[in-house]
C-alpha atoms as a PDB file:
ATOM      1  CA  MET A   1      73.218 -25.494 126.384  1.00  0.00           C
ATOM      2  CA  ALA A   2      70.450 -24.187 128.590  1.00  0.00           C
ATOM      3  CA  GLU A   3      68.579 -27.476 128.126  1.00  0.00           C
ATOM      4  CA  LEU A   4      71.298 -29.631 129.479  1.00  0.00           C
ATOM      5  CA  PRO A   5      71.391 -30.807 133.010  1.00  0.00           C
ATOM      6  CA  GLU A   6      73.555 -28.537 135.308  1.00  0.00           C
ATOM      7  CA  SER A   7      76.052 -31.516 135.853  1.00  0.00           C
ATOM      8  CA  TRP A   8      76.756 -31.757 131.907  1.00  0.00           C
ATOM      9  CA  ARG A   9      76.971 -27.926 131.521  1.00  0.00           C
ATOM     10  CA  ALA A  10      79.692 -27.692 134.256  1.00  0.00           C
ATOM     11  CA  LYS A  11      81.789 -30.037 132.517  1.00  0.00           C
ATOM     12  CA  LEU A  12      81.662 -27.946 129.234  1.00  0.00           C
ATOM     13  CA  THR A  13      84.264 -25.052 128.829  1.00  0.00           C
ATOM     14  CA  LYS A  14      82.612 -23.177 125.911  1.00  0.00           C
ATOM     15  CA  GLY A  15      80.556 -20.071 126.294  1.00  0.00           C
ATOM     16  CA  SER A  16      76.771 -20.208 126.576  1.00  0.00           C
ATOM     17  CA  GLY A  17      76.362 -19.469 122.895  1.00  0.00           C
ATOM     18  CA  ALA A  18      78.051 -22.774 121.786  1.00  0.00           C
ATOM     19  CA  LEU A  19      76.320 -25.404 119.799  1.00  0.00           C
ATOM     20  CA  VAL A  20      76.241 -28.612 121.659  1.00  0.00           C
ATOM     21  CA  THR A  21      75.119 -32.057 119.973  1.00  0.00           C
ATOM     22  CA  VAL A  22      73.973 -34.538 122.240  1.00  0.00           C
ATOM     23  CA  ARG A  23      73.374 -38.170 121.129  1.00  0.00           C
ATOM     24  CA  ILE A  24      71.440 -40.503 123.394  1.00  0.00           C
ATOM     25  CA  GLU A  25      71.629 -44.157 122.389  1.00  0.00           C
ATOM     26  CA  GLU A  26      69.433 -46.989 123.737  1.00  0.00           C
ATOM     27  CA  GLU A  27      71.159 -49.459 126.004  1.00  0.00           C
ATOM     28  CA  ALA A  28      71.351 -52.872 124.306  1.00  0.00           C
ATOM     29  CA  GLN A  29      68.902 -55.422 126.062  1.00  0.00           C
ATOM     30  CA  ALA A  30      70.561 -58.430 127.481  1.00  0.00           C
ATOM     31  CA  ALA A  31      69.250 -61.531 125.864  1.00  0.00           C
ATOM     32  CA  PRO A  32      67.481 -63.799 128.396  1.00  0.00           C
ATOM     33  CA  ALA A  33      69.901 -66.612 129.582  1.00  0.00           C
ATOM     34  CA  GLU A  34      69.167 -70.031 128.127  1.00  0.00           C
ATOM     35  CA  GLU A  35      69.154 -72.996 130.467  1.00  0.00           C
ATOM     36  CA  PHE A  36      72.043 -75.182 129.805  1.00  0.00           C
ATOM     37  CA  THR A  37      71.047 -78.913 129.069  1.00  0.00           C
ATOM     38  CA  THR A  38      72.982 -81.611 127.569  1.00  0.00           C
ATOM     39  CA  ASP A  39      72.220 -85.382 126.702  1.00  0.00           C
ATOM     40  CA  ASP A  40      75.862 -86.341 127.135  1.00  0.00           C
ATOM     41  CA  PRO A  41      75.965 -89.107 129.811  1.00  0.00           C
ATOM     42  CA  VAL A  42      79.585 -88.136 130.709  1.00  0.00           C
ATOM     43  CA  PHE A  43      78.926 -84.565 131.526  1.00  0.00           C
ATOM     44  CA  GLY A  44      79.429 -83.918 135.327  1.00  0.00           C
ATOM     45  CA  ILE A  45      81.125 -87.227 135.796  1.00  0.00           C
ATOM     46  CA  TRP A  46      83.228 -85.877 138.510  1.00  0.00           C
ATOM     47  CA  ARG A  47      80.505 -83.930 140.366  1.00  0.00           C
ATOM     48  CA  TYR A  48      80.380 -86.308 143.291  1.00  0.00           C
ATOM     49  CA  ARG A  49      84.151 -86.786 143.779  1.00  0.00           C
ATOM     50  CA  GLU A  50      84.981 -85.846 147.443  1.00  0.00           C
ATOM     51  CA  ASP A  51      88.522 -85.280 146.653  1.00  0.00           C
ATOM     52  CA  MET A  52      87.687 -82.389 144.253  1.00  0.00           C
ATOM     53  CA  ALA A  53      85.229 -80.751 146.588  1.00  0.00           C
ATOM     54  CA  ASP A  54      87.795 -77.730 147.038  1.00  0.00           C
ATOM     55  CA  VAL A  55      88.775 -77.253 143.385  1.00  0.00           C
ATOM     56  CA  ALA A  56      91.615 -74.640 144.127  1.00  0.00           C
ATOM     57  CA  ALA A  57      93.226 -77.023 146.671  1.00  0.00           C
ATOM     58  CA  TYR A  58      92.962 -79.963 144.414  1.00  0.00           C
ATOM     59  CA  VAL A  59      94.692 -78.124 141.452  1.00  0.00           C
ATOM     60  CA  ARG A  60      97.499 -76.803 143.955  1.00  0.00           C
ATOM     61  CA  LYS A  61      98.074 -80.464 145.196  1.00  0.00           C
ATOM     62  CA  ILE A  62      98.291 -81.991 141.638  1.00  0.00           C
ATOM     63  CA  ARG A  63     100.684 -78.997 140.544  1.00  0.00           C
ATOM     64  CA  GLN A  64     102.903 -79.127 143.609  1.00  0.00           C
ATOM     65  CA  PRO A  65     105.208 -81.752 142.402  1.00  0.00           C
ATOM     66  CA  ARG A  66     105.788 -79.759 139.270  1.00  0.00           C
ATOM     67  CA  TYR A  67     106.010 -76.227 140.237  1.00  0.00           C
ATOM     68  CA  ASN A  68     107.667 -74.266 143.483  1.00  0.00           C
ATOM     69  CA  ARG A  69     105.385 -71.758 145.082  1.00  0.00           C
ATOM     70  CA  ASP A  70     107.085 -68.920 143.284  1.00  0.00           C
ATOM     71  CA  GLY A  71     105.854 -70.344 139.948  1.00  0.00           C
ATOM     72  CA  SER A  72     109.364 -71.934 139.068  1.00  0.00           C
ATOM     73  CA  ARG A  73     109.546 -75.362 137.861  1.00  0.00           C
ATOM     74  CA  ASN A  74     110.745 -78.237 139.980  1.00  0.00           C
ATOM     75  CA  GLU A  75     113.885 -79.759 138.386  1.00  0.00           C
ATOM     76  CA  PRO A  76     114.137 -83.517 138.733  1.00  0.00           C
END
């Protein structure tokens, strides 16, 4: 225990004669992100639509006739 850092020793409640096993694992290395590409001609078809510039506002607008602000459904 004497070889442990002081902050670790403070967390242990055993006496100084206790046997402590410490396992240190290597952190997994994140794989480099691959650049997304596609040959699909319809990918991004709505990219330049001005009415969808604010996505959250657009979705609220199309959901408004179906749902109330509290999440309940509008009845016809």
